[in-house]
Amino acid sequence: MLRFFKLRNLKNIYNTYIRMSSDQLGELGKGAGKGGGGGGAIREAGGAFGKRQAAEEEMYFRKKEQEQIAALRQHHKEEIDIHQKEIKRLQDEITRHEGKIEQLKKHEKK
């Protein structure tokens, strides 16, 4: 259940980030965006400080995206490990049952 919760949260965060397109933001650092909201006093003013803040925000979101991708990759690796352990357990069960069948065949021949 916890694995599902973590994966769902990562997908929600990633999808929210993807929806933020340049159409909504307008030109970065050039004042308020087209999305209906300001961007804070510095971004609304535009200029060098607005461009710097926009660049820092972009770096922040790229870093967050990379962290989320790394977490998602790790999640998939953990899922693969879990499934491989389950496969091994089931193969051991098959071998155990085949052994019992062989014992029963030997017992019938006697």
PDB file of N, CA and C in Angstrom:
ATOM      1  N   MET A   1       0.825  -1.194   0.000  1.00  0.00           N
ATOM      2  CA  MET A   1       0.000   0.000   0.000  1.00  0.00           C
ATOM      3  C   MET A   1       0.861   1.246   0.000  1.00  0.00           C
ATOM      4  N   LEU A   2       1.935   1.217   0.789  1.00  0.00           N
ATOM      5  CA  LEU A   2       2.827   2.376   0.875  1.00  0.00           C
ATOM      6  C   LEU A   2       3.518   2.627  -0.456  1.00  0.00           C
ATOM      7  N   ARG A   3       3.910   1.545  -1.149  1.00  0.00           N
ATOM      8  CA  ARG A   3       4.559   1.712  -2.455  1.00  0.00           C
ATOM      9  C   ARG A   3       3.607   2.388  -3.431  1.00  0.00           C
ATOM     10  N   PHE A   4       2.332   1.976  -3.424  1.00  0.00           N
ATOM     11  CA  PHE A   4       1.345   2.560  -4.318  1.00  0.00           C
ATOM     12  C   PHE A   4       1.155   4.036  -4.001  1.00  0.00           C
ATOM     13  N   PHE A   5       1.108   4.372  -2.710  1.00  0.00           N
ATOM     14  CA  PHE A   5       0.924   5.764  -2.292  1.00  0.00           C
ATOM     15  C   PHE A   5       2.085   6.626  -2.769  1.00  0.00           C
ATOM     16  N   LYS A   6       3.317   6.134  -2.606  1.00  0.00           N
ATOM     17  CA  LYS A   6       4.487   6.909  -3.036  1.00  0.00           C
ATOM     18  C   LYS A   6       4.470   7.104  -4.551  1.00  0.00           C
ATOM     19  N   LEU A   7       4.168   6.062  -5.297  1.00  0.00           N
ATOM     20  CA  LEU A   7       4.152   6.152  -6.749  1.00  0.00           C
ATOM     21  C   LEU A   7       3.079   7.120  -7.222  1.00  0.00           C
ATOM     22  N   ARG A   8       1.889   7.054  -6.608  1.00  0.00           N
ATOM     23  CA  ARG A   8       0.806   7.945  -7.001  1.00  0.00           C
ATOM     24  C   ARG A   8       1.191   9.403  -6.737  1.00  0.00           C
ATOM     25  N   ASN A   9       1.829   9.671  -5.601  1.00  0.00           N
ATOM     26  CA  ASN A   9       2.258  11.038  -5.293  1.00  0.00           C
ATOM     27  C   ASN A   9       3.291  11.532  -6.287  1.00  0.00           C
ATOM     28  N   LEU A  10       4.240  10.672  -6.666  1.00  0.00           N
ATOM     29  CA  LEU A  10       5.246  11.077  -7.648  1.00  0.00           C
ATOM     30  C   LEU A  10       4.600  11.398  -8.986  1.00  0.00           C
ATOM     31  N   LYS A  11       3.630  10.594  -9.392  1.00  0.00           N
ATOM     32  CA  LYS A  11       2.949  10.847 -10.659  1.00  0.00           C
ATOM     33  C   LYS A  11       2.194  12.171 -10.610  1.00  0.00           C
ATOM     34  N   ASN A  12       1.520  12.457  -9.482  1.00  0.00           N
ATOM     35  CA  ASN A  12       0.784  13.714  -9.356  1.00  0.00           C
ATOM     36  C   ASN A  12       1.713  14.910  -9.430  1.00  0.00           C
ATOM     37  N   ILE A  13       2.834  14.836  -8.742  1.00  0.00           N
ATOM     38  CA  ILE A  13       3.792  15.945  -8.760  1.00  0.00           C
ATOM     39  C   ILE A  13       4.340  16.134 -10.164  1.00  0.00           C
ATOM     40  N   TYR A  14       4.695  15.034 -10.814  1.00  0.00           N
ATOM     41  CA  TYR A  14       5.258  15.116 -12.150  1.00  0.00           C
ATOM     42  C   TYR A  14       4.232  15.680 -13.137  1.00  0.00           C
ATOM     43  N   ASN A  15       2.999  15.217 -13.053  1.00  0.00           N
ATOM     44  CA  ASN A  15       1.965  15.715 -13.958  1.00  0.00           C
ATOM     45  C   ASN A  15       1.691  17.195 -13.741  1.00  0.00           C
ATOM     46  N   THR A  16       1.725  17.659 -12.514  1.00  0.00           N
ATOM     47  CA  THR A  16       1.532  19.083 -12.234  1.00  0.00           C
ATOM     48  C   THR A  16       2.637  19.899 -12.881  1.00  0.00           C
ATOM     49  N   TYR A  17       3.858  19.407 -12.783  1.00  0.00           N
ATOM     50  CA  TYR A  17       4.982  20.119 -13.368  1.00  0.00           C
ATOM     51  C   TYR A  17       4.858  20.162 -14.893  1.00  0.00           C
ATOM     52  N   ILE A  18       4.448  19.061 -15.499  1.00  0.00           N
ATOM     53  CA  ILE A  18       4.322  18.997 -16.954  1.00  0.00           C
ATOM     54  C   ILE A  18       3.285  19.998 -17.457  1.00  0.00           C
ATOM     55  N   ARG A  19       2.197  20.178 -16.694  1.00  0.00           N
ATOM     56  CA  ARG A  19       1.138  21.080 -17.135  1.00  0.00           C
ATOM     57  C   ARG A  19       1.585  22.533 -17.191  1.00  0.00           C
ATOM     58  N   MET A  20       2.644  22.859 -16.466  1.00  0.00           N
ATOM     59  CA  MET A  20       3.126  24.238 -16.499  1.00  0.00           C
ATOM     60  C   MET A  20       3.910  24.443 -17.795  1.00  0.00           C
ATOM     61  N   SER A  21       3.264  24.948 -18.798  1.00  0.00           N
ATOM     62  CA  SER A  21       3.934  25.136 -20.075  1.00  0.00           C
ATOM     63  C   SER A  21       4.284  26.601 -20.262  1.00  0.00           C
ATOM     64  N   SER A  22       5.062  26.869 -21.274  1.00  0.00           N
ATOM     65  CA  SER A  22       5.459  28.248 -21.536  1.00  0.00           C
ATOM     66  C   SER A  22       4.255  29.103 -21.938  1.00  0.00           C
ATOM     67  N   ASP A  23       3.189  28.481 -22.444  1.00  0.00           N
ATOM     68  CA  ASP A  23       1.977  29.237 -22.774  1.00  0.00           C
ATOM     69  C   ASP A  23       1.362  29.852 -21.526  1.00  0.00           C
ATOM     70  N   GLN A  24       1.412  29.141 -20.434  1.00  0.00           N
ATOM     71  CA  GLN A  24       0.837  29.655 -19.199  1.00  0.00           C
ATOM     72  C   GLN A  24       1.736  30.715 -18.575  1.00  0.00           C
ATOM     73  N   LEU A  25       3.023  30.518 -18.695  1.00  0.00           N
ATOM     74  CA  LEU A  25       3.952  31.403 -18.003  1.00  0.00           C
ATOM     75  C   LEU A  25       4.248  32.682 -18.769  1.00  0.00           C
ATOM     76  N   GLY A  26       4.043  32.695 -20.049  1.00  0.00           N
ATOM     77  CA  GLY A  26       4.482  33.844 -20.840  1.00  0.00           C
ATOM     78  C   GLY A  26       5.994  33.771 -20.992  1.00  0.00           C
ATOM     79  N   GLU A  27       6.594  34.826 -21.407  1.00  0.00           N
ATOM     80  CA  GLU A  27       8.052  34.824 -21.532  1.00  0.00           C
ATOM     81  C   GLU A  27       8.650  34.997 -20.149  1.00  0.00           C
ATOM     82  N   LEU A  28       9.542  34.093 -19.781  1.00  0.00           N
ATOM     83  CA  LEU A  28      10.077  34.083 -18.433  1.00  0.00           C
ATOM     84  C   LEU A  28      10.836  35.368 -18.126  1.00  0.00           C
ATOM     85  N   GLY A  29      10.531  35.957 -16.966  1.00  0.00           N
ATOM     86  CA  GLY A  29      11.224  37.153 -16.518  1.00  0.00           C
ATOM     87  C   GLY A  29      10.693  38.434 -17.105  1.00  0.00           C
ATOM     88  N   LYS A  30       9.634  38.376 -17.882  1.00  0.00           N
ATOM     89  CA  LYS A  30       9.100  39.569 -18.546  1.00  0.00           C
ATOM     90  C   LYS A  30       7.796  40.038 -17.910  1.00  0.00           C
ATOM     91  N   GLY A  31       7.660  39.933 -16.622  1.00  0.00           N
ATOM     92  CA  GLY A  31       6.444  40.392 -15.961  1.00  0.00           C
ATOM     93  C   GLY A  31       5.488  39.251 -15.715  1.00  0.00           C
ATOM     94  N   ALA A  32       4.241  39.579 -15.399  1.00  0.00           N
ATOM     95  CA  ALA A  32       3.239  38.576 -15.035  1.00  0.00           C
ATOM     96  C   ALA A  32       2.957  37.659 -16.215  1.00  0.00           C
ATOM     97  N   GLY A  33       2.664  36.396 -15.892  1.00  0.00           N
ATOM     98  CA  GLY A  33       2.393  35.413 -16.938  1.00  0.00           C
ATOM     99  C   GLY A  33       0.958  35.471 -17.420  1.00  0.00           C
ATOM    100  N   LYS A  34       0.639  34.617 -18.376  1.00  0.00           N
ATOM    101  CA  LYS A  34      -0.690  34.580 -18.976  1.00  0.00           C
ATOM    102  C   LYS A  34      -1.664  33.735 -18.164  1.00  0.00           C
ATOM    103  N   GLY A  35      -1.175  33.050 -17.145  1.00  0.00           N
ATOM    104  CA  GLY A  35      -2.004  32.108 -16.414  1.00  0.00           C
ATOM    105  C   GLY A  35      -2.993  32.758 -15.471  1.00  0.00           C
ATOM    106  N   GLY A  36      -3.053  34.073 -15.413  1.00  0.00           N
ATOM    107  CA  GLY A  36      -4.016  34.741 -14.558  1.00  0.00           C
ATOM    108  C   GLY A  36      -3.419  35.197 -13.243  1.00  0.00           C
ATOM    109  N   GLY A  37      -2.273  34.637 -12.865  1.00  0.00           N
ATOM    110  CA  GLY A  37      -1.643  35.032 -11.609  1.00  0.00           C
ATOM    111  C   GLY A  37      -0.393  35.830 -11.872  1.00  0.00           C
ATOM    112  N   GLY A  38       0.018  36.587 -10.888  1.00  0.00           N
ATOM    113  CA  GLY A  38       1.288  37.300 -11.001  1.00  0.00           C
ATOM    114  C   GLY A  38       2.402  36.299 -10.841  1.00  0.00           C
ATOM    115  N   GLY A  39       3.518  36.703 -10.521  1.00  0.00           N
ATOM    116  CA  GLY A  39       4.599  35.776 -10.248  1.00  0.00           C
ATOM    117  C   GLY A  39       5.359  36.275  -9.058  1.00  0.00           C
ATOM    118  N   GLY A  40       4.750  37.171  -8.340  1.00  0.00           N
ATOM    119  CA  GLY A  40       5.437  37.832  -7.251  1.00  0.00           C
ATOM    120  C   GLY A  40       5.891  39.204  -7.729  1.00  0.00           C
ATOM    121  N   ALA A  41       6.237  40.062  -6.800  1.00  0.00           N
ATOM    122  CA  ALA A  41       6.580  41.445  -7.129  1.00  0.00           C
ATOM    123  C   ALA A  41       7.776  41.530  -8.071  1.00  0.00           C
ATOM    124  N   ILE A  42       8.767  40.702  -7.861  1.00  0.00           N
ATOM    125  CA  ILE A  42       9.986  40.782  -8.682  1.00  0.00           C
ATOM    126  C   ILE A  42       9.689  40.375 -10.115  1.00  0.00           C
ATOM    127  N   ARG A  43       8.965  39.264 -10.281  1.00  0.00           N
ATOM    128  CA  ARG A  43       8.665  38.818 -11.646  1.00  0.00           C
ATOM    129  C   ARG A  43       7.722  39.787 -12.350  1.00  0.00           C
ATOM    130  N   GLU A  44       6.794  40.362 -11.610  1.00  0.00           N
ATOM    131  CA  GLU A  44       5.873  41.312 -12.229  1.00  0.00           C
ATOM    132  C   GLU A  44       6.611  42.540 -12.727  1.00  0.00           C
ATOM    133  N   ALA A  45       7.643  42.937 -12.007  1.00  0.00           N
ATOM    134  CA  ALA A  45       8.402  44.118 -12.409  1.00  0.00           C
ATOM    135  C   ALA A  45       9.217  43.839 -13.666  1.00  0.00           C
ATOM    136  N   GLY A  46       9.599  42.603 -13.893  1.00  0.00           N
ATOM    137  CA  GLY A  46      10.399  42.251 -15.065  1.00  0.00           C
ATOM    138  C   GLY A  46      11.839  42.684 -14.867  1.00  0.00           C
ATOM    139  N   GLY A  47      12.565  42.828 -15.938  1.00  0.00           N
ATOM    140  CA  GLY A  47      13.953  43.266 -15.863  1.00  0.00           C
ATOM    141  C   GLY A  47      14.896  42.144 -15.479  1.00  0.00           C
ATOM    142  N   ALA A  48      16.109  42.547 -15.104  1.00  0.00           N
ATOM    143  CA  ALA A  48      17.169  41.581 -14.800  1.00  0.00           C
ATOM    144  C   ALA A  48      16.818  40.712 -13.601  1.00  0.00           C
ATOM    145  N   PHE A  49      16.241  41.327 -12.568  1.00  0.00           N
ATOM    146  CA  PHE A  49      15.882  40.531 -11.394  1.00  0.00           C
ATOM    147  C   PHE A  49      14.788  39.520 -11.725  1.00  0.00           C
ATOM    148  N   GLY A  50      13.835  39.937 -12.554  1.00  0.00           N
ATOM    149  CA  GLY A  50      12.778  39.008 -12.967  1.00  0.00           C
ATOM    150  C   GLY A  50      13.335  37.845 -13.757  1.00  0.00           C
ATOM    151  N   LYS A  51      14.278  38.139 -14.653  1.00  0.00           N
ATOM    152  CA  LYS A  51      14.897  37.066 -15.447  1.00  0.00           C
ATOM    153  C   LYS A  51      15.703  36.132 -14.549  1.00  0.00           C
ATOM    154  N   ARG A  52      16.400  36.714 -13.567  1.00  0.00           N
ATOM    155  CA  ARG A  52      17.204  35.895 -12.664  1.00  0.00           C
ATOM    156  C   ARG A  52      16.291  34.975 -11.847  1.00  0.00           C
ATOM    157  N   GLN A  53      15.207  35.542 -11.317  1.00  0.00           N
ATOM    158  CA  GLN A  53      14.288  34.719 -10.530  1.00  0.00           C
ATOM    159  C   GLN A  53      13.684  33.619 -11.398  1.00  0.00           C
ATOM    160  N   ALA A  54      13.334  33.946 -12.634  1.00  0.00           N
ATOM    161  CA  ALA A  54      12.765  32.946 -13.538  1.00  0.00           C
ATOM    162  C   ALA A  54      13.776  31.840 -13.794  1.00  0.00           C
ATOM    163  N   ALA A  55      15.038  32.209 -13.986  1.00  0.00           N
ATOM    164  CA  ALA A  55      16.084  31.207 -14.222  1.00  0.00           C
ATOM    165  C   ALA A  55      16.269  30.325 -12.995  1.00  0.00           C
ATOM    166  N   GLU A  56      16.244  30.936 -11.808  1.00  0.00           N
ATOM    167  CA  GLU A  56      16.387  30.152 -10.575  1.00  0.00           C
ATOM    168  C   GLU A  56      15.209  29.197 -10.394  1.00  0.00           C
ATOM    169  N   GLU A  57      14.012  29.675 -10.739  1.00  0.00           N
ATOM    170  CA  GLU A  57      12.840  28.797 -10.646  1.00  0.00           C
ATOM    171  C   GLU A  57      12.957  27.628 -11.612  1.00  0.00           C
ATOM    172  N   GLU A  58      13.408  27.900 -12.806  1.00  0.00           N
ATOM    173  CA  GLU A  58      13.582  26.829 -13.796  1.00  0.00           C
ATOM    174  C   GLU A  58      14.604  25.816 -13.307  1.00  0.00           C
ATOM    175  N   MET A  59      15.710  26.287 -12.733  1.00  0.00           N
ATOM    176  CA  MET A  59      16.725  25.378 -12.200  1.00  0.00           C
ATOM    177  C   MET A  59      16.143  24.540 -11.065  1.00  0.00           C
ATOM    178  N   TYR A  60      15.360  25.192 -10.205  1.00  0.00           N
ATOM    179  CA  TYR A  60      14.739  24.486  -9.090  1.00  0.00           C
ATOM    180  C   TYR A  60      13.833  23.376  -9.594  1.00  0.00           C
ATOM    181  N   PHE A  61      12.985  23.699 -10.589  1.00  0.00           N
ATOM    182  CA  PHE A  61      12.056  22.691 -11.096  1.00  0.00           C
ATOM    183  C   PHE A  61      12.783  21.581 -11.855  1.00  0.00           C
ATOM    184  N   ARG A  62      13.845  21.922 -12.570  1.00  0.00           N
ATOM    185  CA  ARG A  62      14.626  20.867 -13.236  1.00  0.00           C
ATOM    186  C   ARG A  62      15.248  19.939 -12.210  1.00  0.00           C
ATOM    187  N   LYS A  63      15.778  20.523 -11.126  1.00  0.00           N
ATOM    188  CA  LYS A  63      16.379  19.703 -10.073  1.00  0.00           C
ATOM    189  C   LYS A  63      15.316  18.807  -9.431  1.00  0.00           C
ATOM    190  N   LYS A  64      14.136  19.365  -9.137  1.00  0.00           N
ATOM    191  CA  LYS A  64      13.052  18.578  -8.559  1.00  0.00           C
ATOM    192  C   LYS A  64      12.643  17.450  -9.493  1.00  0.00           C
ATOM    193  N   GLU A  65      12.557  17.766 -10.787  1.00  0.00           N
ATOM    194  CA  GLU A  65      12.172  16.746 -11.758  1.00  0.00           C
ATOM    195  C   GLU A  65      13.198  15.612 -11.770  1.00  0.00           C
ATOM    196  N   GLN A  66      14.483  15.954 -11.732  1.00  0.00           N
ATOM    197  CA  GLN A  66      15.517  14.925 -11.714  1.00  0.00           C
ATOM    198  C   GLN A  66      15.420  14.071 -10.450  1.00  0.00           C
ATOM    199  N   GLU A  67      15.137  14.709  -9.312  1.00  0.00           N
ATOM    200  CA  GLU A  67      14.967  13.960  -8.064  1.00  0.00           C
ATOM    201  C   GLU A  67      13.777  13.013  -8.157  1.00  0.00           C
ATOM    202  N   GLN A  68      12.684  13.491  -8.749  1.00  0.00           N
ATOM    203  CA  GLN A  68      11.492  12.662  -8.880  1.00  0.00           C
ATOM    204  C   GLN A  68      11.734  11.499  -9.831  1.00  0.00           C
ATOM    205  N   ILE A  69      12.458  11.750 -10.906  1.00  0.00           N
ATOM    206  CA  ILE A  69      12.775  10.682 -11.850  1.00  0.00           C
ATOM    207  C   ILE A  69      13.654   9.639 -11.173  1.00  0.00           C
ATOM    208  N   ALA A  70      14.640  10.106 -10.384  1.00  0.00           N
ATOM    209  CA  ALA A  70      15.509   9.173  -9.669  1.00  0.00           C
ATOM    210  C   ALA A  70      14.695   8.343  -8.670  1.00  0.00           C
ATOM    211  N   ALA A  71      13.755   8.987  -7.967  1.00  0.00           N
ATOM    212  CA  ALA A  71      12.910   8.253  -7.013  1.00  0.00           C
ATOM    213  C   ALA A  71      12.029   7.248  -7.737  1.00  0.00           C
ATOM    214  N   LEU A  72      11.500   7.629  -8.884  1.00  0.00           N
ATOM    215  CA  LEU A  72      10.660   6.722  -9.663  1.00  0.00           C
ATOM    216  C   LEU A  72      11.478   5.546 -10.183  1.00  0.00           C
ATOM    217  N   ARG A  73      12.694   5.827 -10.643  1.00  0.00           N
ATOM    218  CA  ARG A  73      13.586   4.755 -11.110  1.00  0.00           C
ATOM    219  C   ARG A  73      13.881   3.784  -9.967  1.00  0.00           C
ATOM    220  N   GLN A  74      14.169   4.321  -8.773  1.00  0.00           N
ATOM    221  CA  GLN A  74      14.441   3.481  -7.616  1.00  0.00           C
ATOM    222  C   GLN A  74      13.209   2.646  -7.255  1.00  0.00           C
ATOM    223  N   HIS A  75      12.051   3.256  -7.343  1.00  0.00           N
ATOM    224  CA  HIS A  75      10.807   2.536  -7.063  1.00  0.00           C
ATOM    225  C   HIS A  75      10.646   1.342  -8.010  1.00  0.00           C
ATOM    226  N   HIS A  76      10.911   1.558  -9.283  1.00  0.00           N
ATOM    227  CA  HIS A  76      10.775   0.464 -10.255  1.00  0.00           C
ATOM    228  C   HIS A  76      11.804  -0.631  -9.986  1.00  0.00           C
ATOM    229  N   LYS A  77      13.014  -0.250  -9.593  1.00  0.00           N
ATOM    230  CA  LYS A  77      14.019  -1.264  -9.256  1.00  0.00           C
ATOM    231  C   LYS A  77      13.563  -2.099  -8.066  1.00  0.00           C
ATOM    232  N   GLU A  78      12.981  -1.433  -7.057  1.00  0.00           N
ATOM    233  CA  GLU A  78      12.480  -2.162  -5.892  1.00  0.00           C
ATOM    234  C   GLU A  78      11.351  -3.107  -6.286  1.00  0.00           C
ATOM    235  N   GLU A  79      10.472  -2.649  -7.159  1.00  0.00           N
ATOM    236  CA  GLU A  79       9.377  -3.504  -7.630  1.00  0.00           C
ATOM    237  C   GLU A  79       9.921  -4.720  -8.375  1.00  0.00           C
ATOM    238  N   ILE A  80      10.939  -4.513  -9.200  1.00  0.00           N
ATOM    239  CA  ILE A  80      11.550  -5.632  -9.931  1.00  0.00           C
ATOM    240  C   ILE A  80      12.127  -6.640  -8.950  1.00  0.00           C
ATOM    241  N   ASP A  81      12.836  -6.150  -7.918  1.00  0.00           N
ATOM    242  CA  ASP A  81      13.406  -7.049  -6.914  1.00  0.00           C
ATOM    243  C   ASP A  81      12.313  -7.860  -6.214  1.00  0.00           C
ATOM    244  N   ILE A  82      11.224  -7.197  -5.873  1.00  0.00           N
ATOM    245  CA  ILE A  82      10.111  -7.890  -5.208  1.00  0.00           C
ATOM    246  C   ILE A  82       9.555  -8.979  -6.116  1.00  0.00           C
ATOM    247  N   HIS A  83       9.360  -8.664  -7.378  1.00  0.00           N
ATOM    248  CA  HIS A  83       8.802  -9.654  -8.311  1.00  0.00           C
ATOM    249  C   HIS A  83       9.780 -10.801  -8.548  1.00  0.00           C
ATOM    250  N   GLN A  84      11.083 -10.500  -8.613  1.00  0.00           N
ATOM    251  CA  GLN A  84      12.061 -11.573  -8.807  1.00  0.00           C
ATOM    252  C   GLN A  84      12.085 -12.515  -7.601  1.00  0.00           C
ATOM    253  N   LYS A  85      11.953 -11.956  -6.401  1.00  0.00           N
ATOM    254  CA  LYS A  85      11.900 -12.804  -5.204  1.00  0.00           C
ATOM    255  C   LYS A  85      10.648 -13.670  -5.222  1.00  0.00           C
ATOM    256  N   GLU A  86       9.551 -13.107  -5.667  1.00  0.00           N
ATOM    257  CA  GLU A  86       8.298 -13.870  -5.757  1.00  0.00           C
ATOM    258  C   GLU A  86       8.425 -14.985  -6.796  1.00  0.00           C
ATOM    259  N   ILE A  87       9.069 -14.698  -7.916  1.00  0.00           N
ATOM    260  CA  ILE A  87       9.293 -15.725  -8.949  1.00  0.00           C
ATOM    261  C   ILE A  87      10.131 -16.867  -8.375  1.00  0.00           C
ATOM    262  N   LYS A  88      11.195 -16.518  -7.651  1.00  0.00           N
ATOM    263  CA  LYS A  88      12.052 -17.552  -7.063  1.00  0.00           C
ATOM    264  C   LYS A  88      11.269 -18.395  -6.060  1.00  0.00           C
ATOM    265  N   ARG A  89      10.450 -17.733  -5.243  1.00  0.00           N
ATOM    266  CA  ARG A  89       9.643 -18.466  -4.264  1.00  0.00           C
ATOM    267  C   ARG A  89       8.693 -19.438  -4.962  1.00  0.00           C
ATOM    268  N   LEU A  90       8.056 -18.977  -6.030  1.00  0.00           N
ATOM    269  CA  LEU A  90       7.132 -19.833  -6.761  1.00  0.00           C
ATOM    270  C   LEU A  90       7.858 -20.975  -7.468  1.00  0.00           C
ATOM    271  N   GLN A  91       9.047 -20.721  -7.993  1.00  0.00           N
ATOM    272  CA  GLN A  91       9.823 -21.790  -8.622  1.00  0.00           C
ATOM    273  C   GLN A  91      10.229 -22.843  -7.598  1.00  0.00           C
ATOM    274  N   ASP A  92      10.583 -22.387  -6.385  1.00  0.00           N
ATOM    275  CA  ASP A  92      10.910 -23.340  -5.320  1.00  0.00           C
ATOM    276  C   ASP A  92       9.694 -24.189  -4.959  1.00  0.00           C
ATOM    277  N   GLU A  93       8.513 -23.568  -4.938  1.00  0.00           N
ATOM    278  CA  GLU A  93       7.278 -24.317  -4.657  1.00  0.00           C
ATOM    279  C   GLU A  93       7.013 -25.350  -5.747  1.00  0.00           C
ATOM    280  N   ILE A  94       7.215 -24.970  -6.990  1.00  0.00           N
ATOM    281  CA  ILE A  94       7.023 -25.907  -8.107  1.00  0.00           C
ATOM    282  C   ILE A  94       7.968 -27.094  -7.953  1.00  0.00           C
ATOM    283  N   THR A  95       9.228 -26.819  -7.652  1.00  0.00           N
ATOM    284  CA  THR A  95      10.221 -27.881  -7.472  1.00  0.00           C
ATOM    285  C   THR A  95       9.809 -28.798  -6.321  1.00  0.00           C
ATOM    286  N   ARG A  96       9.331 -28.212  -5.228  1.00  0.00           N
ATOM    287  CA  ARG A  96       8.900 -29.004  -4.071  1.00  0.00           C
ATOM    288  C   ARG A  96       7.732 -29.920  -4.454  1.00  0.00           C
ATOM    289  N   HIS A  97       6.771 -29.378  -5.181  1.00  0.00           N
ATOM    290  CA  HIS A  97       5.619 -30.194  -5.594  1.00  0.00           C
ATOM    291  C   HIS A  97       6.027 -31.274  -6.595  1.00  0.00           C
ATOM    292  N   GLU A  98       6.938 -30.960  -7.504  1.00  0.00           N
ATOM    293  CA  GLU A  98       7.418 -31.975  -8.444  1.00  0.00           C
ATOM    294  C   GLU A  98       8.109 -33.104  -7.697  1.00  0.00           C
ATOM    295  N   GLY A  99       8.852 -32.738  -6.633  1.00  0.00           N
ATOM    296  CA  GLY A  99       9.498 -33.761  -5.807  1.00  0.00           C
ATOM    297  C   GLY A  99       8.482 -34.670  -5.140  1.00  0.00           C
ATOM    298  N   LYS A 100       7.401 -34.091  -4.659  1.00  0.00           N
ATOM    299  CA  LYS A 100       6.349 -34.898  -4.027  1.00  0.00           C
ATOM    300  C   LYS A 100       5.688 -35.832  -5.039  1.00  0.00           C
ATOM    301  N   ILE A 101       5.500 -35.343  -6.265  1.00  0.00           N
ATOM    302  CA  ILE A 101       4.920 -36.189  -7.318  1.00  0.00           C
ATOM    303  C   ILE A 101       5.848 -37.363  -7.608  1.00  0.00           C
ATOM    304  N   GLU A 102       7.149 -37.111  -7.679  1.00  0.00           N
ATOM    305  CA  GLU A 102       8.121 -38.187  -7.917  1.00  0.00           C
ATOM    306  C   GLU A 102       8.081 -39.208  -6.785  1.00  0.00           C
ATOM    307  N   GLN A 103       7.964 -38.726  -5.547  1.00  0.00           N
ATOM    308  CA  GLN A 103       7.869 -39.652  -4.409  1.00  0.00           C
ATOM    309  C   GLN A 103       6.619 -40.515  -4.517  1.00  0.00           C
ATOM    310  N   LEU A 104       5.514 -39.909  -4.919  1.00  0.00           N
ATOM    311  CA  LEU A 104       4.271 -40.677  -5.065  1.00  0.00           C
ATOM    312  C   LEU A 104       4.387 -41.711  -6.186  1.00  0.00           C
ATOM    313  N   LYS A 105       5.084 -41.342  -7.287  1.00  0.00           N
ATOM    314  CA  LYS A 105       5.280 -42.306  -8.385  1.00  0.00           C
ATOM    315  C   LYS A 105       6.113 -43.492  -7.913  1.00  0.00           C
ATOM    316  N   LYS A 106       7.149 -43.216  -7.121  1.00  0.00           N
ATOM    317  CA  LYS A 106       8.004 -44.303  -6.595  1.00  0.00           C
ATOM    318  C   LYS A 106       7.198 -45.184  -5.660  1.00  0.00           C
ATOM    319  N   HIS A 107       6.353 -44.547  -4.861  1.00  0.00           N
ATOM    320  CA  HIS A 107       5.538 -45.280  -3.903  1.00  0.00           C
ATOM    321  C   HIS A 107       4.522 -46.181  -4.620  1.00  0.00           C
ATOM    322  N   GLU A 108       3.971 -45.738  -5.764  1.00  0.00           N
ATOM    323  CA  GLU A 108       3.010 -46.543  -6.516  1.00  0.00           C
ATOM    324  C   GLU A 108       3.667 -47.767  -7.123  1.00  0.00           C
ATOM    325  N   LYS A 109       4.928 -47.662  -7.539  1.00  0.00           N
ATOM    326  CA  LYS A 109       5.614 -48.778  -8.184  1.00  0.00           C
ATOM    327  C   LYS A 109       5.921 -49.911  -7.202  1.00  0.00           C
ATOM    328  N   LYS A 110       5.986 -49.607  -5.951  1.00  0.00           N
ATOM    329  CA  LYS A 110       6.321 -50.643  -4.966  1.00  0.00           C
ATOM    330  C   LYS A 110       5.202 -51.580  -4.719  1.00  0.00           C
TER     331      LYS A 110
END
